[in-house]
């Protein structure tokens, strides 16, 4: 009898310690699967954290775009007033060459910051898609009620970002706010080059227009190359863990 009792105590002493479950108030053996309640709590907390982070990125992007448009509008009004008073003379040229580079700087800074905000937004969307996929693993019967993506590849991200299906990617990019900022930056850059060529270098009308178009194309082209580099970097950084089924298959395969 004594031997049997001592053996039972020794066996209990070698068992792994139990961990307290903060949700249900019971002890959970170490190494056991995490209870569903705790998993849902962790996933929902991370989901709301990503949602708040994405909202902050969108707010900053819109604020920076509004600040740039306000700066550009104010500069145009000021140039119009100076041009009316000075009859577009030397004072107007000096004022334009002071204020337009500042506007271009604000525009380029806005473009760069919006690119970072778009990358931040894509990372948050990828995370939320993965969390939605985890929700469906826990409760697969809820799949008909999800309208956003549950996969972390490009089709899943596009679904969560509500990109209209059937619209070419180029058309979607052209209609986006960063491209509008890019075009405005190109116009400001072309205007600076035109003022320098027309007034300081005494170029004719046709050469001035040609130089202005070249300046616009140069500024726009540099920004578009940066956009392409950002997209390639994003695709290389984000590795899909839960791709959309059949997304990489060829039609009819």
Protein backbone atom coordinates (compact mmCIF):
# COMPACT_ATOMS: atom_id res chain seq x y z
CA UNK A 1 0.00 0.00 0.00
CA UNK A 2 2.77 2.42 0.89
CA UNK A 3 4.62 1.57 -2.31
CA UNK A 4 1.56 2.23 -4.42
CA UNK A 5 0.91 5.61 -2.79
CA UNK A 6 4.48 6.72 -3.22
CA UNK A 7 4.43 5.67 -6.88
CA UNK A 8 1.29 7.73 -7.48
CA UNK A 9 2.85 10.81 -5.90
CA UNK A 10 5.98 10.38 -7.96
CA UNK A 11 3.93 10.09 -11.14
CA UNK A 12 2.05 13.26 -10.28
CA UNK A 13 5.30 15.07 -9.55
CA UNK A 14 6.56 14.29 -13.07
CA UNK A 15 3.46 15.68 -14.79
CA UNK A 16 3.89 19.09 -16.49
CA UNK A 17 2.49 22.06 -14.59
CA UNK A 18 -0.96 23.30 -15.56
CA UNK A 19 -1.51 26.79 -16.90
CA UNK A 20 -4.46 28.84 -15.80
CA UNK A 21 -6.99 29.74 -18.47
CA UNK A 22 -7.90 33.43 -17.96
CA UNK A 23 -11.13 33.03 -19.96
CA UNK A 24 -12.84 30.08 -18.34
CA UNK A 25 -10.90 30.14 -15.07
CA UNK A 26 -9.73 26.52 -15.31
CA UNK A 27 -6.29 25.01 -15.61
CA UNK A 28 -5.01 24.08 -19.09
CA UNK A 29 -2.20 21.49 -19.37
CA UNK A 30 1.04 22.90 -20.71
CA UNK A 31 1.51 22.14 -24.40
CA UNK A 32 -2.23 21.79 -25.03
CA UNK A 33 -3.83 23.76 -27.91
CA UNK A 34 -4.77 27.32 -27.09
CA UNK A 35 -8.49 27.58 -26.27
CA UNK A 36 -10.66 29.05 -29.00
CA UNK A 37 -11.74 31.91 -26.74
CA UNK A 38 -8.16 33.08 -26.27
CA UNK A 39 -7.40 32.69 -30.00
CA UNK A 40 -10.43 34.82 -30.90
CA UNK A 41 -9.45 37.46 -28.37
CA UNK A 42 -5.91 37.70 -29.74
CA UNK A 43 -7.07 37.74 -33.37
CA UNK A 44 -9.76 40.36 -32.78
CA UNK A 45 -7.30 42.59 -30.89
CA UNK A 46 -4.79 42.39 -33.73
CA UNK A 47 -7.57 42.95 -36.28
CA UNK A 48 -8.69 46.18 -34.61
CA UNK A 49 -5.08 47.29 -34.24
CA UNK A 50 -4.49 46.87 -37.98
CA UNK A 51 -7.77 48.58 -38.77
CA UNK A 52 -6.82 51.60 -36.65
CA UNK A 53 -3.35 51.69 -38.19
CA UNK A 54 -4.84 51.59 -41.68
CA UNK A 55 -7.22 54.43 -40.79
CA UNK A 56 -4.31 56.56 -39.58
CA UNK A 57 -2.42 55.91 -42.83
CA UNK A 58 -5.44 56.92 -44.92
CA UNK A 59 -6.02 60.06 -42.85
CA UNK A 60 -2.40 61.10 -43.22
CA UNK A 61 -2.49 60.47 -46.96
CA UNK A 62 -5.60 62.60 -47.44
CA UNK A 63 -4.22 65.33 -45.16
CA UNK A 64 -0.96 65.53 -47.09
CA UNK A 65 -2.79 65.64 -50.43
CA UNK A 66 -5.09 68.41 -49.13
CA UNK A 67 -2.09 70.36 -47.83
CA UNK A 68 -0.38 70.12 -51.22
CA UNK A 69 -3.48 71.24 -53.12
CA UNK A 70 -3.95 74.14 -50.70
CA UNK A 71 -0.33 75.18 -51.16
CA UNK A 72 -0.64 74.96 -54.94
CA UNK A 73 -3.90 76.93 -54.98
CA UNK A 74 -2.45 79.64 -52.73
CA UNK A 75 0.64 79.90 -54.93
CA UNK A 76 -1.48 80.28 -58.08
CA UNK A 77 -3.56 83.03 -56.48
CA UNK A 78 -0.43 84.84 -55.29
CA UNK A 79 1.20 84.56 -58.73
CA UNK A 80 -1.95 85.93 -60.35
CA UNK A 81 -1.98 88.94 -58.03
CA UNK A 82 1.73 89.65 -58.53
CA UNK A 83 1.37 89.24 -62.29
CA UNK A 84 -1.52 91.70 -62.39
CA UNK A 85 0.40 94.27 -60.39
CA UNK A 86 3.81 93.82 -62.05
CA UNK A 87 2.44 93.10 -65.53
CA UNK A 88 4.38 89.81 -65.48
CA UNK A 89 7.69 91.62 -65.26
CA UNK A 90 10.86 90.91 -63.32
CA UNK A 91 9.16 90.94 -59.92
CA UNK A 92 6.76 88.27 -61.11
CA UNK A 93 9.64 86.10 -62.40
CA UNK A 94 11.56 86.40 -59.15
CA UNK A 95 8.47 85.63 -57.09
CA UNK A 96 7.60 82.66 -59.29
CA UNK A 97 11.11 81.21 -59.07
CA UNK A 98 10.91 81.48 -55.28
CA UNK A 99 7.46 80.07 -54.66
CA UNK A 100 7.15 77.41 -57.38
CA UNK A 101 10.19 75.37 -56.21
CA UNK A 102 8.65 75.40 -52.73
CA UNK A 103 5.39 74.08 -54.16
CA UNK A 104 7.29 71.40 -56.08
CA UNK A 105 9.11 70.38 -52.91
CA UNK A 106 5.81 70.04 -51.05
CA UNK A 107 4.41 68.00 -53.94
CA UNK A 108 7.37 65.63 -54.09
CA UNK A 109 7.31 65.19 -50.30
CA UNK A 110 3.58 64.45 -50.54
CA UNK A 111 4.19 61.89 -53.27
CA UNK A 112 6.88 60.12 -51.24
CA UNK A 113 4.79 60.08 -48.09
CA UNK A 114 1.73 58.78 -49.93
CA UNK A 115 3.87 55.96 -51.33
CA UNK A 116 4.89 55.00 -47.79
CA UNK A 117 1.24 55.23 -46.67
CA UNK A 118 0.16 52.95 -49.53
CA UNK A 119 2.78 50.39 -48.52
CA UNK A 120 1.57 50.64 -44.91
CA UNK A 121 -2.01 50.16 -46.10
CA UNK A 122 -1.10 47.08 -48.15
CA UNK A 123 0.69 45.49 -45.18
CA UNK A 124 -2.35 46.12 -42.97
CA UNK A 125 -4.70 44.61 -45.57
CA UNK A 126 -2.52 41.50 -45.86
CA UNK A 127 -2.63 41.09 -42.09
CA UNK A 128 -6.41 41.55 -41.90
CA UNK A 129 -6.95 39.05 -44.72
CA UNK A 130 -4.91 36.48 -42.83
CA UNK A 131 -6.94 37.12 -39.70
CA UNK A 132 -10.20 36.69 -41.63
CA UNK A 133 -8.84 33.39 -42.89
CA UNK A 134 -8.19 32.38 -39.28
CA UNK A 135 -11.77 33.33 -38.40
CA UNK A 136 -13.03 30.99 -41.11
CA UNK A 137 -10.80 28.20 -39.84
CA UNK A 138 -12.47 28.55 -36.44
CA UNK A 139 -16.00 29.02 -37.83
CA UNK A 140 -16.11 27.89 -41.50
CA UNK A 141 -19.91 28.16 -41.59
CA UNK A 142 -19.54 31.98 -41.55
CA UNK A 143 -17.89 32.11 -45.00
CA UNK A 144 -21.06 33.33 -46.84
CA UNK A 145 -21.12 36.44 -44.63
CA UNK A 146 -17.59 37.64 -45.50
CA UNK A 147 -17.39 40.13 -48.38
CA UNK A 148 -13.71 41.07 -48.02
CA UNK A 149 -10.73 38.94 -48.95
CA UNK A 150 -9.44 36.09 -46.82
CA UNK A 151 -6.27 35.43 -48.86
CA UNK A 152 -3.02 37.40 -48.65
CA UNK A 153 -2.05 37.47 -52.33
CA UNK A 154 -2.77 40.20 -54.88
CA UNK A 155 -6.34 39.03 -55.74
CA UNK A 156 -7.21 38.87 -52.04
CA UNK A 157 -5.74 42.32 -51.36
CA UNK A 158 -7.57 43.78 -54.37
CA UNK A 159 -10.84 42.32 -53.07
CA UNK A 160 -10.36 43.91 -49.65
CA UNK A 161 -9.41 47.25 -51.22
CA UNK A 162 -12.64 47.07 -53.23
CA UNK A 163 -10.89 47.42 -56.59
CA UNK A 164 -13.69 47.19 -59.19
CA UNK A 165 -13.31 43.99 -61.22
CA UNK A 166 -12.75 44.29 -64.95
CA UNK A 167 -10.97 47.67 -64.77
CA UNK A 168 -7.45 47.62 -66.22
CA UNK A 169 -4.69 48.13 -63.67
CA UNK A 170 -3.31 51.14 -65.59
CA UNK A 171 -6.70 52.89 -65.51
CA UNK A 172 -7.03 52.22 -61.78
CA UNK A 173 -3.57 53.70 -61.15
CA UNK A 174 -4.30 56.78 -63.25
CA UNK A 175 -7.44 57.53 -61.25
CA UNK A 176 -5.64 57.20 -57.91
CA UNK A 177 -4.70 60.25 -55.84
CA UNK A 178 -0.90 59.65 -56.02
CA UNK A 179 -1.01 59.83 -59.82
CA UNK A 180 -2.92 63.12 -59.65
CA UNK A 181 -0.19 64.47 -57.37
CA UNK A 182 2.42 63.19 -59.83
CA UNK A 183 0.80 65.06 -62.73
CA UNK A 184 0.55 68.29 -60.74
CA UNK A 185 4.20 67.99 -59.76
CA UNK A 186 5.07 67.58 -63.43
CA UNK A 187 3.07 70.70 -64.32
CA UNK A 188 4.85 72.72 -61.63
CA UNK A 189 8.23 71.43 -62.80
CA UNK A 190 7.40 72.29 -66.40
CA UNK A 191 6.31 75.79 -65.36
CA UNK A 192 9.61 76.37 -63.57
CA UNK A 193 11.59 75.25 -66.61
CA UNK A 194 9.44 77.42 -68.91
CA UNK A 195 10.00 80.53 -66.78
CA UNK A 196 13.75 79.93 -66.70
CA UNK A 197 13.92 79.31 -70.46
CA UNK A 198 11.55 82.08 -71.52
CA UNK A 199 12.64 84.94 -69.28
CA UNK A 200 16.16 84.21 -68.10
CA UNK A 201 17.48 82.55 -71.28
CA UNK A 202 15.33 84.64 -73.66
CA UNK A 203 14.16 81.60 -75.61
CA UNK A 204 11.37 81.92 -78.14
CA UNK A 205 7.81 80.73 -77.70
CA UNK A 206 8.22 77.38 -79.42
CA UNK A 207 11.49 76.45 -77.66
CA UNK A 208 9.96 77.49 -74.35
CA UNK A 209 6.94 75.24 -74.90
CA UNK A 210 9.17 72.34 -75.93
CA UNK A 211 11.38 72.77 -72.87
CA UNK A 212 8.31 73.00 -70.63
CA UNK A 213 6.92 69.75 -72.04
CA UNK A 214 10.30 68.07 -71.57
CA UNK A 215 10.44 69.30 -67.96
CA UNK A 216 6.94 67.97 -67.33
CA UNK A 217 7.83 64.60 -68.85
CA UNK A 218 11.08 64.41 -66.86
CA UNK A 219 9.45 65.07 -63.49
CA UNK A 220 6.55 62.73 -64.24
CA UNK A 221 8.83 60.00 -65.57
CA UNK A 222 11.07 60.06 -62.50
CA UNK A 223 8.07 59.75 -60.22
CA UNK A 224 6.57 56.91 -62.27
CA UNK A 225 9.86 55.02 -62.09
CA UNK A 226 9.77 55.40 -58.31
CA UNK A 227 6.20 54.08 -58.29
CA UNK A 228 7.27 51.04 -60.29
CA UNK A 229 10.19 50.44 -57.92
CA UNK A 230 7.85 50.66 -54.92
CA UNK A 231 5.44 48.15 -56.46
CA UNK A 232 8.26 45.72 -57.21
CA UNK A 233 9.62 46.10 -53.69
CA UNK A 234 6.17 45.48 -52.23
CA UNK A 235 5.70 42.32 -54.31
CA UNK A 236 9.13 41.07 -53.26
CA UNK A 237 8.55 41.84 -49.58
CA UNK A 238 5.05 40.38 -49.15
CA UNK A 239 5.18 36.61 -49.48
CA UNK A 240 1.67 35.11 -49.68
CA UNK A 241 1.11 32.41 -47.09
CA UNK A 242 -2.53 31.76 -47.99
CA UNK A 243 -2.89 32.38 -51.76
CA UNK A 244 -6.23 32.38 -53.53
CA UNK A 245 -7.04 28.86 -54.78
CA UNK A 246 -6.60 28.69 -58.55
CA UNK A 247 -5.19 32.23 -58.83
CA UNK A 248 -1.95 31.00 -60.37
CA UNK A 249 -3.54 28.41 -62.63
CA UNK A 250 -3.95 28.92 -66.33
CA UNK A 251 -7.45 29.09 -67.77
CA UNK A 252 -8.61 25.66 -68.82
CA UNK A 253 -5.80 23.89 -66.96
